[in-house]
């Protein structure tokens, strides 16, 4: 029963993603940046209801 409940909860999360609105395309007059600076990092990110446990991620510019 526990596995079934876990599967149903996972399916609900998948359907939430599938039902999310599509991302809007870039505007025709969007400006392309020559040099992008910055960095995004998640280290051992674990929210209250994790989808991925112990996620570490680095996004370079």
PDB file of N, CA and C in Angstrom:
ATOM      1  N   UNK A   1       0.827  -1.193   0.000  1.00  0.00           N
ATOM      2  CA  UNK A   1       0.000   0.000   0.000  1.00  0.00           C
ATOM      3  C   UNK A   1       0.873   1.259   0.000  1.00  0.00           C
ATOM      4  N   UNK A   2       1.975   1.197   0.749  1.00  0.00           N
ATOM      5  CA  UNK A   2       2.878   2.339   0.827  1.00  0.00           C
ATOM      6  C   UNK A   2       3.482   2.667  -0.540  1.00  0.00           C
ATOM      7  N   UNK A   3       3.878   1.631  -1.272  1.00  0.00           N
ATOM      8  CA  UNK A   3       4.450   1.822  -2.608  1.00  0.00           C
ATOM      9  C   UNK A   3       3.403   2.410  -3.547  1.00  0.00           C
ATOM     10  N   UNK A   4       2.176   1.967  -3.435  1.00  0.00           N
ATOM     11  CA  UNK A   4       1.095   2.490  -4.266  1.00  0.00           C
ATOM     12  C   UNK A   4       0.864   3.970  -3.991  1.00  0.00           C
ATOM     13  N   UNK A   5       0.825   4.348  -2.727  1.00  0.00           N
ATOM     14  CA  UNK A   5       0.630   5.757  -2.376  1.00  0.00           C
ATOM     15  C   UNK A   5       1.781   6.611  -2.879  1.00  0.00           C
ATOM     16  N   UNK A   6       2.995   6.100  -2.774  1.00  0.00           N
ATOM     17  CA  UNK A   6       4.161   6.825  -3.265  1.00  0.00           C
ATOM     18  C   UNK A   6       4.085   6.999  -4.785  1.00  0.00           C
ATOM     19  N   UNK A   7       3.641   5.961  -5.476  1.00  0.00           N
ATOM     20  CA  UNK A   7       3.501   6.046  -6.931  1.00  0.00           C
ATOM     21  C   UNK A   7       2.444   7.057  -7.343  1.00  0.00           C
ATOM     22  N   UNK A   8       1.334   7.102  -6.629  1.00  0.00           N
ATOM     23  CA  UNK A   8       0.269   8.064  -6.926  1.00  0.00           C
ATOM     24  C   UNK A   8       0.774   9.492  -6.696  1.00  0.00           C
ATOM     25  N   UNK A   9       1.509   9.704  -5.615  1.00  0.00           N
ATOM     26  CA  UNK A   9       2.051  11.032  -5.325  1.00  0.00           C
ATOM     27  C   UNK A   9       3.035  11.453  -6.415  1.00  0.00           C
ATOM     28  N   UNK A  10       3.864  10.526  -6.868  1.00  0.00           N
ATOM     29  CA  UNK A  10       4.809  10.826  -7.948  1.00  0.00           C
ATOM     30  C   UNK A  10       4.075  11.166  -9.239  1.00  0.00           C
ATOM     31  N   UNK A  11       3.044  10.420  -9.550  1.00  0.00           N
ATOM     32  CA  UNK A  11       2.267  10.680 -10.760  1.00  0.00           C
ATOM     33  C   UNK A  11       1.614  12.056 -10.702  1.00  0.00           C
ATOM     34  N   UNK A  12       1.138  12.447  -9.531  1.00  0.00           N
ATOM     35  CA  UNK A  12       0.536  13.779  -9.396  1.00  0.00           C
ATOM     36  C   UNK A  12       1.549  14.868  -9.702  1.00  0.00           C
ATOM     37  N   UNK A  13       2.782  14.698  -9.235  1.00  0.00           N
ATOM     38  CA  UNK A  13       3.827  15.697  -9.514  1.00  0.00           C
ATOM     39  C   UNK A  13       4.157  15.742 -11.000  1.00  0.00           C
ATOM     40  N   UNK A  14       4.202  14.573 -11.644  1.00  0.00           N
ATOM     41  CA  UNK A  14       4.476  14.529 -13.087  1.00  0.00           C
ATOM     42  C   UNK A  14       3.374  15.254 -13.850  1.00  0.00           C
ATOM     43  N   UNK A  15       2.118  15.015 -13.481  1.00  0.00           N
ATOM     44  CA  UNK A  15       1.015  15.674 -14.180  1.00  0.00           C
ATOM     45  C   UNK A  15       1.001  17.176 -13.926  1.00  0.00           C
ATOM     46  N   UNK A  16       1.454  17.631 -12.762  1.00  0.00           N
ATOM     47  CA  UNK A  16       1.572  19.075 -12.510  1.00  0.00           C
ATOM     48  C   UNK A  16       2.553  19.699 -13.489  1.00  0.00           C
ATOM     49  N   UNK A  17       3.669  19.022 -13.734  1.00  0.00           N
ATOM     50  CA  UNK A  17       4.661  19.537 -14.688  1.00  0.00           C
ATOM     51  C   UNK A  17       4.075  19.539 -16.096  1.00  0.00           C
ATOM     52  N   UNK A  18       3.396  18.459 -16.472  1.00  0.00           N
ATOM     53  CA  UNK A  18       2.823  18.373 -17.812  1.00  0.00           C
ATOM     54  C   UNK A  18       1.717  19.408 -18.034  1.00  0.00           C
ATOM     55  N   UNK A  19       0.999  19.763 -16.974  1.00  0.00           N
ATOM     56  CA  UNK A  19      -0.087  20.726 -17.087  1.00  0.00           C
ATOM     57  C   UNK A  19       0.377  22.174 -16.992  1.00  0.00           C
ATOM     58  N   UNK A  20       1.639  22.395 -16.662  1.00  0.00           N
ATOM     59  CA  UNK A  20       2.162  23.762 -16.514  1.00  0.00           C
ATOM     60  C   UNK A  20       2.112  24.475 -17.862  1.00  0.00           C
ATOM     61  N   UNK A  21       1.882  25.786 -17.855  1.00  0.00           N
ATOM     62  CA  UNK A  21       1.849  26.522 -19.118  1.00  0.00           C
ATOM     63  C   UNK A  21       3.217  26.499 -19.797  1.00  0.00           C
ATOM     64  N   UNK A  22       3.182  26.542 -21.123  1.00  0.00           N
ATOM     65  CA  UNK A  22       4.435  26.529 -21.877  1.00  0.00           C
ATOM     66  C   UNK A  22       5.167  27.850 -21.698  1.00  0.00           C
ATOM     67  N   UNK A  23       6.485  27.788 -21.816  1.00  0.00           N
ATOM     68  CA  UNK A  23       7.312  28.976 -21.697  1.00  0.00           C
ATOM     69  C   UNK A  23       7.112  29.859 -22.926  1.00  0.00           C
ATOM     70  N   UNK A  24       7.004  31.157 -22.694  1.00  0.00           N
ATOM     71  CA  UNK A  24       6.820  32.100 -23.795  1.00  0.00           C
ATOM     72  C   UNK A  24       8.123  32.224 -24.598  1.00  0.00           C
ATOM     73  N   UNK A  25       8.052  32.308 -25.921  1.00  0.00           N
ATOM     74  CA  UNK A  25       9.274  32.497 -26.722  1.00  0.00           C
ATOM     75  C   UNK A  25       9.847  33.897 -26.501  1.00  0.00           C
ATOM     76  N   UNK A  26      11.126  34.062 -26.831  1.00  0.00           N
ATOM     77  CA  UNK A  26      11.756  35.378 -26.724  1.00  0.00           C
ATOM     78  C   UNK A  26      11.050  36.371 -27.631  1.00  0.00           C
ATOM     79  N   UNK A  27      11.036  37.619 -27.216  1.00  0.00           N
ATOM     80  CA  UNK A  27      10.453  38.677 -28.040  1.00  0.00           C
ATOM     81  C   UNK A  27      11.305  38.894 -29.284  1.00  0.00           C
ATOM     82  N   UNK A  28      10.703  39.379 -30.342  1.00  0.00           N
ATOM     83  CA  UNK A  28      11.424  39.606 -31.592  1.00  0.00           C
ATOM     84  C   UNK A  28      12.532  40.635 -31.417  1.00  0.00           C
ATOM     85  N   UNK A  29      12.336  41.606 -30.503  1.00  0.00           N
ATOM     86  CA  UNK A  29      13.345  42.647 -30.312  1.00  0.00           C
ATOM     87  C   UNK A  29      14.228  42.389 -29.086  1.00  0.00           C
ATOM     88  N   UNK A  30      14.327  41.130 -28.663  1.00  0.00           N
ATOM     89  CA  UNK A  30      15.166  40.785 -27.508  1.00  0.00           C
ATOM     90  C   UNK A  30      16.629  41.053 -27.835  1.00  0.00           C
ATOM     91  N   UNK A  31      17.379  41.486 -26.830  1.00  0.00           N
ATOM     92  CA  UNK A  31      18.796  41.816 -27.010  1.00  0.00           C
ATOM     93  C   UNK A  31      19.642  40.635 -26.535  1.00  0.00           C
ATOM     94  N   UNK A  32      20.567  40.194 -27.372  1.00  0.00           N
ATOM     95  CA  UNK A  32      21.468  39.118 -26.983  1.00  0.00           C
ATOM     96  C   UNK A  32      22.636  39.722 -26.218  1.00  0.00           C
ATOM     97  N   UNK A  33      22.941  39.166 -25.062  1.00  0.00           N
ATOM     98  CA  UNK A  33      24.014  39.698 -24.239  1.00  0.00           C
ATOM     99  C   UNK A  33      25.363  39.198 -24.734  1.00  0.00           C
ATOM    100  N   UNK A  34      26.342  40.107 -24.794  1.00  0.00           N
ATOM    101  CA  UNK A  34      27.681  39.727 -25.245  1.00  0.00           C
ATOM    102  C   UNK A  34      28.416  38.922 -24.183  1.00  0.00           C
ATOM    103  N   UNK A  35      28.394  39.430 -22.958  1.00  0.00           N
ATOM    104  CA  UNK A  35      29.111  38.766 -21.879  1.00  0.00           C
ATOM    105  C   UNK A  35      28.184  38.636 -20.675  1.00  0.00           C
ATOM    106  N   UNK A  36      27.998  37.417 -20.242  1.00  0.00           N
ATOM    107  CA  UNK A  36      27.130  37.169 -19.096  1.00  0.00           C
ATOM    108  C   UNK A  36      28.008  36.792 -17.913  1.00  0.00           C
ATOM    109  N   UNK A  37      27.765  37.445 -16.788  1.00  0.00           N
ATOM    110  CA  UNK A  37      28.515  37.119 -15.579  1.00  0.00           C
ATOM    111  C   UNK A  37      27.547  36.596 -14.536  1.00  0.00           C
ATOM    112  N   UNK A  38      28.044  35.788 -13.661  1.00  0.00           N
ATOM    113  CA  UNK A  38      27.212  35.262 -12.600  1.00  0.00           C
ATOM    114  C   UNK A  38      27.321  33.761 -12.523  1.00  0.00           C
ATOM    115  N   UNK A  39      26.756  33.221 -11.475  1.00  0.00           N
ATOM    116  CA  UNK A  39      26.837  31.782 -11.251  1.00  0.00           C
ATOM    117  C   UNK A  39      25.691  31.390 -10.326  1.00  0.00           C
ATOM    118  N   UNK A  40      25.064  30.268 -10.608  1.00  0.00           N
ATOM    119  CA  UNK A  40      23.994  29.738  -9.771  1.00  0.00           C
ATOM    120  C   UNK A  40      24.477  28.405  -9.231  1.00  0.00           C
ATOM    121  N   UNK A  41      24.326  28.197  -7.938  1.00  0.00           N
ATOM    122  CA  UNK A  41      24.761  26.929  -7.352  1.00  0.00           C
ATOM    123  C   UNK A  41      23.773  26.477  -6.289  1.00  0.00           C
ATOM    124  N   UNK A  42      23.407  25.208  -6.328  1.00  0.00           N
ATOM    125  CA  UNK A  42      22.647  24.547  -5.276  1.00  0.00           C
ATOM    126  C   UNK A  42      23.562  23.464  -4.724  1.00  0.00           C
ATOM    127  N   UNK A  43      23.755  23.435  -3.434  1.00  0.00           N
ATOM    128  CA  UNK A  43      24.593  22.400  -2.850  1.00  0.00           C
ATOM    129  C   UNK A  43      23.785  21.677  -1.782  1.00  0.00           C
ATOM    130  N   UNK A  44      23.562  20.395  -2.004  1.00  0.00           N
ATOM    131  CA  UNK A  44      22.803  19.562  -1.073  1.00  0.00           C
ATOM    132  C   UNK A  44      21.429  20.150  -0.790  1.00  0.00           C
ATOM    133  N   UNK A  45      20.776  20.664  -1.809  1.00  0.00           N
ATOM    134  CA  UNK A  45      19.456  21.285  -1.681  1.00  0.00           C
ATOM    135  C   UNK A  45      18.430  20.222  -1.343  1.00  0.00           C
ATOM    136  N   UNK A  46      17.676  20.437  -0.272  1.00  0.00           N
ATOM    137  CA  UNK A  46      16.668  19.455   0.144  1.00  0.00           C
ATOM    138  C   UNK A  46      15.455  20.187   0.709  1.00  0.00           C
ATOM    139  N   UNK A  47      14.470  20.541  -0.133  1.00  0.00           N
ATOM    140  CA  UNK A  47      13.270  21.210   0.366  1.00  0.00           C
ATOM    141  C   UNK A  47      12.408  20.248   1.195  1.00  0.00           C
ATOM    142  N   UNK A  48      11.325  20.770   1.757  1.00  0.00           N
ATOM    143  CA  UNK A  48      10.452  19.950   2.615  1.00  0.00           C
ATOM    144  C   UNK A  48       9.903  18.719   1.902  1.00  0.00           C
ATOM    145  N   UNK A  49       9.530  18.863   0.639  1.00  0.00           N
ATOM    146  CA  UNK A  49       9.014  17.731  -0.142  1.00  0.00           C
ATOM    147  C   UNK A  49       9.927  17.523  -1.345  1.00  0.00           C
ATOM    148  N   UNK A  50      11.041  16.866  -1.140  1.00  0.00           N
ATOM    149  CA  UNK A  50      12.032  16.762  -2.217  1.00  0.00           C
ATOM    150  C   UNK A  50      11.570  15.874  -3.371  1.00  0.00           C
ATOM    151  N   UNK A  51      11.872  16.320  -4.571  1.00  0.00           N
ATOM    152  CA  UNK A  51      11.677  15.493  -5.753  1.00  0.00           C
ATOM    153  C   UNK A  51      12.975  14.740  -6.033  1.00  0.00           C
ATOM    154  N   UNK A  52      14.088  15.437  -5.829  1.00  0.00           N
ATOM    155  CA  UNK A  52      15.417  14.842  -5.953  1.00  0.00           C
ATOM    156  C   UNK A  52      16.110  15.067  -4.615  1.00  0.00           C
ATOM    157  N   UNK A  53      16.598  14.031  -4.004  1.00  0.00           N
ATOM    158  CA  UNK A  53      17.237  14.137  -2.691  1.00  0.00           C
ATOM    159  C   UNK A  53      18.725  14.411  -2.865  1.00  0.00           C
ATOM    160  N   UNK A  54      19.237  15.349  -2.066  1.00  0.00           N
ATOM    161  CA  UNK A  54      20.652  15.678  -2.024  1.00  0.00           C
ATOM    162  C   UNK A  54      21.160  16.171  -3.387  1.00  0.00           C
ATOM    163  N   UNK A  55      20.488  17.148  -3.951  1.00  0.00           N
ATOM    164  CA  UNK A  55      20.842  17.711  -5.241  1.00  0.00           C
ATOM    165  C   UNK A  55      21.967  18.719  -5.098  1.00  0.00           C
ATOM    166  N   UNK A  56      22.998  18.578  -5.909  1.00  0.00           N
ATOM    167  CA  UNK A  56      24.046  19.581  -6.032  1.00  0.00           C
ATOM    168  C   UNK A  56      24.119  19.959  -7.505  1.00  0.00           C
ATOM    169  N   UNK A  57      24.125  21.268  -7.790  1.00  0.00           N
ATOM    170  CA  UNK A  57      24.063  21.734  -9.161  1.00  0.00           C
ATOM    171  C   UNK A  57      24.802  23.048  -9.279  1.00  0.00           C
ATOM    172  N   UNK A  58      25.584  23.221 -10.342  1.00  0.00           N
ATOM    173  CA  UNK A  58      26.270  24.472 -10.616  1.00  0.00           C
ATOM    174  C   UNK A  58      25.972  24.852 -12.057  1.00  0.00           C
ATOM    175  N   UNK A  59      25.534  26.095 -12.262  1.00  0.00           N
ATOM    176  CA  UNK A  59      25.256  26.608 -13.601  1.00  0.00           C
ATOM    177  C   UNK A  59      26.202  27.769 -13.845  1.00  0.00           C
ATOM    178  N   UNK A  60      27.159  27.566 -14.738  1.00  0.00           N
ATOM    179  CA  UNK A  60      28.120  28.618 -15.073  1.00  0.00           C
ATOM    180  C   UNK A  60      27.467  29.588 -16.044  1.00  0.00           C
ATOM    181  N   UNK A  61      27.991  30.812 -16.115  1.00  0.00           N
ATOM    182  CA  UNK A  61      27.397  31.798 -17.047  1.00  0.00           C
ATOM    183  C   UNK A  61      27.529  31.357 -18.497  1.00  0.00           C
TER     184      UNK A  61
END
